[in-house]
């Protein structure tokens, strides 16, 4: 399982989403990559006003907020 979060520095919603992801990762192992969109024109255009944006296995699943229960359910769904 691979989780990617698009974020930027000084983003409170990103900090909250990161905490949810790290807590879930302690219970369910998965790869996690965080990508800072700052200074990347294409990423700013795609995700700028919606960050954080969280992808599971390449599929965009969450934006702006990341509810811990919904995230855990999405992980279980992906694991089959």
PDB file of N, CA and C in Angstrom:
ATOM      1  N   UNK A   1       0.850  -1.180   0.000  1.00  0.00           N
ATOM      2  CA  UNK A   1       0.000   0.000   0.000  1.00  0.00           C
ATOM      3  C   UNK A   1       0.886   1.230   0.000  1.00  0.00           C
ATOM      4  N   UNK A   2       0.536   2.189  -0.842  1.00  0.00           N
ATOM      5  CA  UNK A   2       1.290   3.445  -0.926  1.00  0.00           C
ATOM      6  C   UNK A   2       0.339   4.615  -0.733  1.00  0.00           C
ATOM      7  N   UNK A   3       0.715   5.501   0.182  1.00  0.00           N
ATOM      8  CA  UNK A   3      -0.044   6.714   0.459  1.00  0.00           C
ATOM      9  C   UNK A   3       0.845   7.906   0.123  1.00  0.00           C
ATOM     10  N   UNK A   4       0.297   8.842  -0.650  1.00  0.00           N
ATOM     11  CA  UNK A   4       1.010  10.076  -1.006  1.00  0.00           C
ATOM     12  C   UNK A   4       0.155  11.252  -0.560  1.00  0.00           C
ATOM     13  N   UNK A   5       0.797  12.221   0.083  1.00  0.00           N
ATOM     14  CA  UNK A   5       0.088  13.431   0.490  1.00  0.00           C
ATOM     15  C   UNK A   5       0.795  14.629  -0.133  1.00  0.00           C
ATOM     16  N   UNK A   6       0.050  15.429  -0.875  1.00  0.00           N
ATOM     17  CA  UNK A   6       0.547  16.688  -1.409  1.00  0.00           C
ATOM     18  C   UNK A   6       0.263  17.761  -0.371  1.00  0.00           C
ATOM     19  N   UNK A   7       1.284  18.546  -0.037  1.00  0.00           N
ATOM     20  CA  UNK A   7       1.160  19.525   1.040  1.00  0.00           C
ATOM     21  C   UNK A   7       2.058  20.721   0.755  1.00  0.00           C
ATOM     22  N   UNK A   8       2.125  21.607   1.723  1.00  0.00           N
ATOM     23  CA  UNK A   8       3.083  22.720   1.690  1.00  0.00           C
ATOM     24  C   UNK A   8       3.394  23.104   3.126  1.00  0.00           C
ATOM     25  N   UNK A   9       4.486  23.833   3.303  1.00  0.00           N
ATOM     26  CA  UNK A   9       4.886  24.272   4.644  1.00  0.00           C
ATOM     27  C   UNK A   9       3.855  25.243   5.210  1.00  0.00           C
ATOM     28  N   UNK A  10       3.823  25.294   6.526  1.00  0.00           N
ATOM     29  CA  UNK A  10       2.930  26.204   7.252  1.00  0.00           C
ATOM     30  C   UNK A  10       1.462  25.998   6.874  1.00  0.00           C
ATOM     31  N   UNK A  11       1.073  24.741   6.770  1.00  0.00           N
ATOM     32  CA  UNK A  11      -0.305  24.380   6.434  1.00  0.00           C
ATOM     33  C   UNK A  11      -0.872  23.575   7.598  1.00  0.00           C
ATOM     34  N   UNK A  12      -1.733  24.198   8.363  1.00  0.00           N
ATOM     35  CA  UNK A  12      -2.311  23.531   9.526  1.00  0.00           C
ATOM     36  C   UNK A  12      -3.106  22.287   9.163  1.00  0.00           C
ATOM     37  N   UNK A  13      -3.868  22.354   8.066  1.00  0.00           N
ATOM     38  CA  UNK A  13      -4.628  21.175   7.635  1.00  0.00           C
ATOM     39  C   UNK A  13      -3.684  20.037   7.249  1.00  0.00           C
ATOM     40  N   UNK A  14      -2.536  20.392   6.673  1.00  0.00           N
ATOM     41  CA  UNK A  14      -1.534  19.378   6.306  1.00  0.00           C
ATOM     42  C   UNK A  14      -0.957  18.734   7.566  1.00  0.00           C
ATOM     43  N   UNK A  15      -0.695  19.541   8.590  1.00  0.00           N
ATOM     44  CA  UNK A  15      -0.169  19.007   9.849  1.00  0.00           C
ATOM     45  C   UNK A  15      -1.140  18.009  10.457  1.00  0.00           C
ATOM     46  N   UNK A  16      -2.420  18.346  10.422  1.00  0.00           N
ATOM     47  CA  UNK A  16      -3.445  17.453  10.965  1.00  0.00           C
ATOM     48  C   UNK A  16      -3.536  16.171  10.153  1.00  0.00           C
ATOM     49  N   UNK A  17      -3.539  16.289   8.840  1.00  0.00           N
ATOM     50  CA  UNK A  17      -3.608  15.110   7.970  1.00  0.00           C
ATOM     51  C   UNK A  17      -2.388  14.217   8.174  1.00  0.00           C
ATOM     52  N   UNK A  18      -1.208  14.814   8.296  1.00  0.00           N
ATOM     53  CA  UNK A  18       0.014  14.055   8.523  1.00  0.00           C
ATOM     54  C   UNK A  18      -0.092  13.255   9.820  1.00  0.00           C
ATOM     55  N   UNK A  19      -0.611  13.882  10.870  1.00  0.00           N
ATOM     56  CA  UNK A  19      -0.763  13.198  12.154  1.00  0.00           C
ATOM     57  C   UNK A  19      -1.701  11.994  12.028  1.00  0.00           C
ATOM     58  N   UNK A  20      -2.782  12.144  11.270  1.00  0.00           N
ATOM     59  CA  UNK A  20      -3.714  11.030  11.039  1.00  0.00           C
ATOM     60  C   UNK A  20      -3.004   9.896  10.299  1.00  0.00           C
ATOM     61  N   UNK A  21      -2.237  10.247   9.278  1.00  0.00           N
ATOM     62  CA  UNK A  21      -1.536   9.240   8.475  1.00  0.00           C
ATOM     63  C   UNK A  21      -0.490   8.508   9.313  1.00  0.00           C
ATOM     64  N   UNK A  22       0.297   9.252  10.085  1.00  0.00           N
ATOM     65  CA  UNK A  22       1.343   8.638  10.909  1.00  0.00           C
ATOM     66  C   UNK A  22       0.734   7.725  11.963  1.00  0.00           C
ATOM     67  N   UNK A  23      -0.372   8.140  12.571  1.00  0.00           N
ATOM     68  CA  UNK A  23      -1.041   7.297  13.568  1.00  0.00           C
ATOM     69  C   UNK A  23      -1.574   6.018  12.922  1.00  0.00           C
ATOM     70  N   UNK A  24      -2.156   6.133  11.732  1.00  0.00           N
ATOM     71  CA  UNK A  24      -2.681   4.954  11.040  1.00  0.00           C
ATOM     72  C   UNK A  24      -1.545   4.023  10.639  1.00  0.00           C
ATOM     73  N   UNK A  25      -0.430   4.602  10.258  1.00  0.00           N
ATOM     74  CA  UNK A  25       0.730   3.807   9.837  1.00  0.00           C
ATOM     75  C   UNK A  25       1.305   2.997  10.997  1.00  0.00           C
ATOM     76  N   UNK A  26       1.138   3.477  12.210  1.00  0.00           N
ATOM     77  CA  UNK A  26       1.600   2.739  13.387  1.00  0.00           C
ATOM     78  C   UNK A  26       0.792   1.451  13.573  1.00  0.00           C
ATOM     79  N   UNK A  27      -0.453   1.455  13.091  1.00  0.00           N
ATOM     80  CA  UNK A  27      -1.331   0.282  13.212  1.00  0.00           C
ATOM     81  C   UNK A  27      -1.310  -0.598  11.976  1.00  0.00           C
ATOM     82  N   UNK A  28      -1.173   0.022  10.810  1.00  0.00           N
ATOM     83  CA  UNK A  28      -1.216  -0.688   9.534  1.00  0.00           C
ATOM     84  C   UNK A  28      -0.036  -0.229   8.686  1.00  0.00           C
ATOM     85  N   UNK A  29       0.921  -1.102   8.427  1.00  0.00           N
ATOM     86  CA  UNK A  29       2.085  -0.672   7.658  1.00  0.00           C
ATOM     87  C   UNK A  29       1.741  -0.306   6.210  1.00  0.00           C
ATOM     88  N   UNK A  30       2.288   0.804   5.751  1.00  0.00           N
ATOM     89  CA  UNK A  30       2.179   1.215   4.349  1.00  0.00           C
ATOM     90  C   UNK A  30       3.281   2.219   4.067  1.00  0.00           C
ATOM     91  N   UNK A  31       3.612   2.385   2.797  1.00  0.00           N
ATOM     92  CA  UNK A  31       4.596   3.375   2.380  1.00  0.00           C
ATOM     93  C   UNK A  31       3.931   4.742   2.362  1.00  0.00           C
ATOM     94  N   UNK A  32       4.634   5.746   2.854  1.00  0.00           N
ATOM     95  CA  UNK A  32       4.098   7.097   2.899  1.00  0.00           C
ATOM     96  C   UNK A  32       5.113   8.066   2.309  1.00  0.00           C
ATOM     97  N   UNK A  33       4.638   8.890   1.387  1.00  0.00           N
ATOM     98  CA  UNK A  33       5.467   9.934   0.803  1.00  0.00           C
ATOM     99  C   UNK A  33       4.708  11.245   0.870  1.00  0.00           C
ATOM    100  N   UNK A  34       5.385  12.273   1.341  1.00  0.00           N
ATOM    101  CA  UNK A  34       4.791  13.609   1.375  1.00  0.00           C
ATOM    102  C   UNK A  34       5.519  14.466   0.355  1.00  0.00           C
ATOM    103  N   UNK A  35       4.759  15.138  -0.493  1.00  0.00           N
ATOM    104  CA  UNK A  35       5.326  15.965  -1.555  1.00  0.00           C
ATOM    105  C   UNK A  35       4.915  17.414  -1.336  1.00  0.00           C
ATOM    106  N   UNK A  36       5.906  18.277  -1.144  1.00  0.00           N
ATOM    107  CA  UNK A  36       5.679  19.713  -0.976  1.00  0.00           C
ATOM    108  C   UNK A  36       5.486  20.323  -2.362  1.00  0.00           C
ATOM    109  N   UNK A  37       4.343  20.938  -2.581  1.00  0.00           N
ATOM    110  CA  UNK A  37       4.028  21.483  -3.903  1.00  0.00           C
ATOM    111  C   UNK A  37       4.606  22.874  -4.137  1.00  0.00           C
ATOM    112  N   UNK A  38       5.166  23.477  -3.107  1.00  0.00           N
ATOM    113  CA  UNK A  38       5.689  24.840  -3.212  1.00  0.00           C
ATOM    114  C   UNK A  38       6.729  24.951  -4.317  1.00  0.00           C
ATOM    115  N   UNK A  39       6.540  25.916  -5.214  1.00  0.00           N
ATOM    116  CA  UNK A  39       7.495  26.175  -6.272  1.00  0.00           C
ATOM    117  C   UNK A  39       7.402  25.256  -7.472  1.00  0.00           C
ATOM    118  N   UNK A  40       6.447  24.356  -7.474  1.00  0.00           N
ATOM    119  CA  UNK A  40       6.247  23.440  -8.607  1.00  0.00           C
ATOM    120  C   UNK A  40       4.953  23.847  -9.311  1.00  0.00           C
ATOM    121  N   UNK A  41       5.084  24.551 -10.423  1.00  0.00           N
ATOM    122  CA  UNK A  41       3.923  25.133 -11.097  1.00  0.00           C
ATOM    123  C   UNK A  41       2.810  24.126 -11.380  1.00  0.00           C
ATOM    124  N   UNK A  42       3.149  22.978 -11.918  1.00  0.00           N
ATOM    125  CA  UNK A  42       2.130  21.986 -12.276  1.00  0.00           C
ATOM    126  C   UNK A  42       1.418  21.461 -11.029  1.00  0.00           C
ATOM    127  N   UNK A  43       2.177  21.231  -9.963  1.00  0.00           N
ATOM    128  CA  UNK A  43       1.563  20.736  -8.723  1.00  0.00           C
ATOM    129  C   UNK A  43       0.721  21.818  -8.059  1.00  0.00           C
ATOM    130  N   UNK A  44       1.219  23.061  -8.084  1.00  0.00           N
ATOM    131  CA  UNK A  44       0.437  24.179  -7.537  1.00  0.00           C
ATOM    132  C   UNK A  44      -0.895  24.312  -8.268  1.00  0.00           C
ATOM    133  N   UNK A  45      -0.858  24.178  -9.581  1.00  0.00           N
ATOM    134  CA  UNK A  45      -2.075  24.276 -10.379  1.00  0.00           C
ATOM    135  C   UNK A  45      -3.036  23.131 -10.058  1.00  0.00           C
ATOM    136  N   UNK A  46      -2.523  21.942  -9.922  1.00  0.00           N
ATOM    137  CA  UNK A  46      -3.357  20.766  -9.680  1.00  0.00           C
ATOM    138  C   UNK A  46      -3.898  20.706  -8.254  1.00  0.00           C
ATOM    139  N   UNK A  47      -3.098  21.097  -7.269  1.00  0.00           N
ATOM    140  CA  UNK A  47      -3.468  20.859  -5.873  1.00  0.00           C
ATOM    141  C   UNK A  47      -3.510  22.104  -4.997  1.00  0.00           C
ATOM    142  N   UNK A  48      -3.070  23.243  -5.504  1.00  0.00           N
ATOM    143  CA  UNK A  48      -2.848  24.441  -4.700  1.00  0.00           C
ATOM    144  C   UNK A  48      -3.904  24.826  -3.696  1.00  0.00           C
ATOM    145  N   UNK A  49      -5.155  24.919  -4.117  1.00  0.00           N
ATOM    146  CA  UNK A  49      -6.194  25.369  -3.181  1.00  0.00           C
ATOM    147  C   UNK A  49      -6.886  24.203  -2.480  1.00  0.00           C
ATOM    148  N   UNK A  50      -6.445  22.984  -2.765  1.00  0.00           N
ATOM    149  CA  UNK A  50      -7.121  21.813  -2.190  1.00  0.00           C
ATOM    150  C   UNK A  50      -6.271  21.058  -1.170  1.00  0.00           C
ATOM    151  N   UNK A  51      -5.052  21.534  -0.913  1.00  0.00           N
ATOM    152  CA  UNK A  51      -4.175  20.766  -0.040  1.00  0.00           C
ATOM    153  C   UNK A  51      -4.684  20.749   1.388  1.00  0.00           C
ATOM    154  N   UNK A  52      -4.403  19.707   2.115  1.00  0.00           N
ATOM    155  CA  UNK A  52      -3.696  18.522   1.659  1.00  0.00           C
ATOM    156  C   UNK A  52      -4.568  17.653   0.752  1.00  0.00           C
ATOM    157  N   UNK A  53      -3.924  16.991  -0.190  1.00  0.00           N
ATOM    158  CA  UNK A  53      -4.578  16.013  -1.043  1.00  0.00           C
ATOM    159  C   UNK A  53      -3.888  14.680  -0.790  1.00  0.00           C
ATOM    160  N   UNK A  54      -4.684  13.647  -0.484  1.00  0.00           N
ATOM    161  CA  UNK A  54      -4.132  12.339  -0.133  1.00  0.00           C
ATOM    162  C   UNK A  54      -4.566  11.309  -1.169  1.00  0.00           C
ATOM    163  N   UNK A  55      -3.574  10.591  -1.690  1.00  0.00           N
ATOM    164  CA  UNK A  55      -3.816   9.535  -2.670  1.00  0.00           C
ATOM    165  C   UNK A  55      -3.508   8.181  -2.037  1.00  0.00           C
ATOM    166  N   UNK A  56      -4.348   7.203  -2.336  1.00  0.00           N
ATOM    167  CA  UNK A  56      -4.096   5.817  -1.947  1.00  0.00           C
ATOM    168  C   UNK A  56      -3.882   5.028  -3.217  1.00  0.00           C
ATOM    169  N   UNK A  57      -2.713   4.414  -3.331  1.00  0.00           N
ATOM    170  CA  UNK A  57      -2.385   3.630  -4.522  1.00  0.00           C
ATOM    171  C   UNK A  57      -2.645   4.420  -5.808  1.00  0.00           C
ATOM    172  N   UNK A  58      -2.288   5.717  -5.782  1.00  0.00           N
ATOM    173  CA  UNK A  58      -2.415   6.552  -6.958  1.00  0.00           C
ATOM    174  C   UNK A  58      -3.793   7.148  -7.198  1.00  0.00           C
ATOM    175  N   UNK A  59      -4.764   6.782  -6.375  1.00  0.00           N
ATOM    176  CA  UNK A  59      -6.130   7.303  -6.526  1.00  0.00           C
ATOM    177  C   UNK A  59      -6.375   8.412  -5.508  1.00  0.00           C
ATOM    178  N   UNK A  60      -6.790   9.575  -5.999  1.00  0.00           N
ATOM    179  CA  UNK A  60      -7.084  10.696  -5.119  1.00  0.00           C
ATOM    180  C   UNK A  60      -8.312  10.363  -4.275  1.00  0.00           C
ATOM    181  N   UNK A  61      -8.133  10.340  -2.953  1.00  0.00           N
ATOM    182  CA  UNK A  61      -9.225   9.941  -2.067  1.00  0.00           C
ATOM    183  C   UNK A  61      -9.677  11.028  -1.101  1.00  0.00           C
ATOM    184  N   UNK A  62      -8.783  11.930  -0.705  1.00  0.00           N
ATOM    185  CA  UNK A  62      -9.134  12.945   0.284  1.00  0.00           C
ATOM    186  C   UNK A  62      -8.518  14.278  -0.105  1.00  0.00           C
ATOM    187  N   UNK A  63      -9.222  15.352   0.219  1.00  0.00           N
ATOM    188  CA  UNK A  63      -8.676  16.696   0.055  1.00  0.00           C
ATOM    189  C   UNK A  63      -9.180  17.573   1.184  1.00  0.00           C
ATOM    190  N   UNK A  64      -8.374  18.547   1.557  1.00  0.00           N
ATOM    191  CA  UNK A  64      -8.642  19.528   2.616  1.00  0.00           C
ATOM    192  C   UNK A  64      -8.653  18.922   4.019  1.00  0.00           C
ATOM    193  N   UNK A  65      -9.434  17.892   4.244  1.00  0.00           N
ATOM    194  CA  UNK A  65      -9.469  17.271   5.571  1.00  0.00           C
ATOM    195  C   UNK A  65      -9.285  15.763   5.437  1.00  0.00           C
ATOM    196  N   UNK A  66      -8.772  15.174   6.507  1.00  0.00           N
ATOM    197  CA  UNK A  66      -8.562  13.733   6.521  1.00  0.00           C
ATOM    198  C   UNK A  66      -9.093  13.198   7.836  1.00  0.00           C
ATOM    199  N   UNK A  67     -10.279  12.609   7.788  1.00  0.00           N
ATOM    200  CA  UNK A  67     -10.904  12.018   8.963  1.00  0.00           C
ATOM    201  C   UNK A  67     -10.238  10.672   9.251  1.00  0.00           C
ATOM    202  N   UNK A  68      -9.849  10.455  10.501  1.00  0.00           N
ATOM    203  CA  UNK A  68      -9.129   9.236  10.875  1.00  0.00           C
ATOM    204  C   UNK A  68      -9.936   7.975  10.580  1.00  0.00           C
ATOM    205  N   UNK A  69     -11.216   7.976  10.891  1.00  0.00           N
ATOM    206  CA  UNK A  69     -12.052   6.791  10.655  1.00  0.00           C
ATOM    207  C   UNK A  69     -12.238   6.521   9.165  1.00  0.00           C
ATOM    208  N   UNK A  70     -12.463   7.568   8.386  1.00  0.00           N
ATOM    209  CA  UNK A  70     -12.620   7.401   6.933  1.00  0.00           C
ATOM    210  C   UNK A  70     -11.319   6.929   6.292  1.00  0.00           C
ATOM    211  N   UNK A  71     -10.185   7.441   6.786  1.00  0.00           N
ATOM    212  CA  UNK A  71      -8.895   7.021   6.260  1.00  0.00           C
ATOM    213  C   UNK A  71      -8.643   5.545   6.574  1.00  0.00           C
ATOM    214  N   UNK A  72      -8.918   5.144   7.805  1.00  0.00           N
ATOM    215  CA  UNK A  72      -8.741   3.734   8.198  1.00  0.00           C
ATOM    216  C   UNK A  72      -9.628   2.827   7.352  1.00  0.00           C
ATOM    217  N   UNK A  73     -10.864   3.251   7.107  1.00  0.00           N
ATOM    218  CA  UNK A  73     -11.781   2.458   6.280  1.00  0.00           C
ATOM    219  C   UNK A  73     -11.258   2.348   4.846  1.00  0.00           C
ATOM    220  N   UNK A  74     -10.720   3.431   4.314  1.00  0.00           N
ATOM    221  CA  UNK A  74     -10.173   3.415   2.955  1.00  0.00           C
ATOM    222  C   UNK A  74      -8.967   2.477   2.866  1.00  0.00           C
ATOM    223  N   UNK A  75      -8.132   2.464   3.914  1.00  0.00           N
ATOM    224  CA  UNK A  75      -6.996   1.544   3.932  1.00  0.00           C
ATOM    225  C   UNK A  75      -7.472   0.086   3.938  1.00  0.00           C
ATOM    226  N   UNK A  76      -8.456  -0.196   4.776  1.00  0.00           N
ATOM    227  CA  UNK A  76      -9.006  -1.573   4.837  1.00  0.00           C
ATOM    228  C   UNK A  76      -9.590  -1.970   3.501  1.00  0.00           C
ATOM    229  N   UNK A  77     -10.306  -1.058   2.863  1.00  0.00           N
ATOM    230  CA  UNK A  77     -10.914  -1.312   1.555  1.00  0.00           C
ATOM    231  C   UNK A  77      -9.847  -1.662   0.516  1.00  0.00           C
ATOM    232  N   UNK A  78      -8.746  -0.922   0.535  1.00  0.00           N
ATOM    233  CA  UNK A  78      -7.668  -1.146  -0.427  1.00  0.00           C
ATOM    234  C   UNK A  78      -6.927  -2.457  -0.168  1.00  0.00           C
ATOM    235  N   UNK A  79      -6.875  -2.870   1.093  1.00  0.00           N
ATOM    236  CA  UNK A  79      -6.167  -4.102   1.434  1.00  0.00           C
ATOM    237  C   UNK A  79      -6.994  -5.330   1.110  1.00  0.00           C
ATOM    238  N   UNK A  80      -8.285  -5.127   0.933  1.00  0.00           N
ATOM    239  CA  UNK A  80      -9.180  -6.197   0.526  1.00  0.00           C
ATOM    240  C   UNK A  80      -9.462  -7.120   1.638  1.00  0.00           C
TER     241      UNK A  80
END
